[in-house]
Protein backbone atom coordinates (compact mmCIF):
# COMPACT_ATOMS: atom_id res chain seq x y z
CA UNK A 1 -10.02 18.01 -9.60
CA UNK A 2 -8.51 16.87 -6.29
CA UNK A 3 -5.98 14.37 -6.51
CA UNK A 4 -5.43 11.76 -3.48
CA UNK A 5 -2.38 9.48 -3.26
CA UNK A 6 -3.37 5.79 -2.96
CA UNK A 7 0.11 4.08 -3.60
CA UNK A 8 3.24 3.66 -5.58
CA UNK A 9 4.03 1.52 -8.35
CA UNK A 10 7.24 -0.41 -7.33
CA UNK A 11 7.75 -2.84 -9.86
CA UNK A 12 6.44 -4.65 -13.12
CA UNK A 13 5.52 -8.50 -12.71
CA UNK A 14 5.47 -10.83 -15.59
CA UNK A 15 5.85 -9.67 -19.31
CA UNK A 16 2.15 -8.73 -19.92
CA UNK A 17 2.02 -5.42 -18.28
CA UNK A 18 0.71 -5.85 -14.98
CA UNK A 19 2.31 -3.70 -12.11
CA UNK A 20 2.93 -4.09 -8.38
CA UNK A 21 1.70 -1.08 -6.18
CA UNK A 22 2.46 -0.71 -2.41
CA UNK A 23 -0.67 0.79 -0.82
CA UNK A 24 -1.63 1.60 2.47
CA UNK A 25 -5.05 3.12 1.51
CA UNK A 26 -7.89 2.28 3.56
CA UNK A 27 -10.62 1.82 1.04
CA UNK A 28 -8.82 -0.29 -1.17
CA UNK A 29 -12.17 -2.38 -2.14
CA UNK A 30 -13.51 0.85 -3.65
CA UNK A 31 -10.59 1.70 -5.74
CA UNK A 32 -8.99 -1.25 -6.88
CA UNK A 33 -11.69 -2.25 -9.34
CA UNK A 34 -12.06 -2.66 -13.15
CA UNK A 35 -12.83 0.45 -15.03
CA UNK A 36 -11.81 2.79 -12.09
CA UNK A 37 -9.57 5.92 -13.13
CA UNK A 38 -6.01 6.42 -11.64
CA UNK A 39 -3.59 9.04 -12.41
CA UNK A 40 -0.08 8.28 -12.62
CA UNK A 41 2.93 10.19 -11.99
CA UNK A 42 3.85 13.97 -11.79
CA UNK A 43 1.94 14.51 -15.03
CA UNK A 44 -1.06 12.48 -13.64
CA UNK A 45 -1.39 10.43 -16.61
CA UNK A 46 -4.90 9.16 -16.90
CA UNK A 47 -5.29 5.38 -17.11
CA UNK A 48 -8.27 2.82 -16.46
CA UNK A 49 -7.81 -0.45 -14.27
CA UNK A 50 -8.57 -3.35 -16.33
CA UNK A 51 -8.04 -6.01 -13.65
CA UNK A 52 -6.93 -6.33 -9.90
CA UNK A 53 -5.66 -9.06 -7.66
CA UNK A 54 -3.76 -8.90 -4.20
CA UNK A 55 -0.55 -10.95 -4.07
CA UNK A 56 1.20 -11.04 -0.82
CA UNK A 57 1.92 -7.31 0.21
CA UNK A 58 1.18 -5.77 -3.10
CA UNK A 59 -1.91 -4.57 -5.12
CA UNK A 60 -1.50 -6.07 -8.55
CA UNK A 61 -3.16 -4.22 -11.48
CA UNK A 62 -3.37 -4.26 -15.24
CA UNK A 63 -4.11 -1.22 -17.14
CA UNK A 64 -6.69 -1.14 -19.94
CA UNK A 65 -4.82 -0.98 -23.53
CA UNK A 66 -1.58 -2.18 -22.05
CA UNK A 67 -0.61 -5.65 -22.64
CA UNK A 68 3.11 -5.50 -22.51
CA UNK A 69 5.85 -5.00 -19.99
CA UNK A 70 7.84 -2.30 -22.18
CA UNK A 71 4.60 -0.10 -22.12
CA UNK A 72 4.28 0.28 -18.28
CA UNK A 73 7.93 0.53 -17.47
CA UNK A 74 7.64 4.34 -17.76
CA UNK A 75 5.57 4.13 -14.76
CA UNK A 76 7.80 2.11 -12.45
CA UNK A 77 8.68 4.07 -9.12
CA UNK A 78 5.64 6.48 -9.82
CA UNK A 79 3.04 7.45 -7.32
CA UNK A 80 -0.74 6.51 -8.10
CA UNK A 81 -3.44 8.87 -7.57
CA UNK A 82 -7.41 8.83 -7.79
CA UNK A 83 -9.74 11.73 -8.13
CA UNK A 84 -11.09 12.40 -4.73
CA UNK A 85 -14.61 12.71 -6.30
CA UNK A 86 -14.77 9.29 -7.82
CA UNK A 87 -14.48 7.83 -4.32
CA UNK A 88 -18.06 6.95 -3.20
CA UNK A 89 -17.80 6.65 0.59
CA UNK A 90 -20.75 5.62 2.72
CA UNK A 91 -22.42 7.41 5.40
CA UNK A 92 -19.94 6.67 8.15
CA UNK A 93 -17.02 6.34 5.94
CA UNK A 94 -14.14 8.95 5.94
CA UNK A 95 -10.88 9.54 4.83
CA UNK A 96 -8.34 10.61 7.60
CA UNK A 97 -7.12 13.48 5.87
CA UNK A 98 -10.75 14.89 6.08
CA UNK A 99 -10.79 14.51 9.94
CA UNK A 100 -7.61 16.60 10.47
CA UNK A 101 -8.39 19.72 12.27
CA UNK A 102 -11.53 18.67 13.89
CA UNK A 103 -12.22 18.75 17.69
CA UNK A 104 -12.50 15.43 19.51
CA UNK A 105 -15.38 15.08 22.33
CA UNK A 106 -15.22 12.62 24.50
CA UNK A 107 -18.14 11.34 26.46
CA UNK A 108 -17.75 8.96 29.61
């Protein structure tokens, strides 16, 4: 399994277990969807996204099975990862990381 960092949990939001992520991941619409698996922290704790919404500069998610702020406090400050093989990219979509080391050819 190859992990890909997509952001960092910077805080909680409200008392029902919602968390704020800062993310500059280029394919947010493919990742931040219900039932998508994420891996949190150094131990890569597997969790599943329950709900998602965008709020100001944050990506706001809730995690399946967690409905209390006390259950997500352990994730505050942790990085969030995905399994790269779970990311389904189109024909002309690439991750920046995958292009490093390639030669550039410019015509005209």
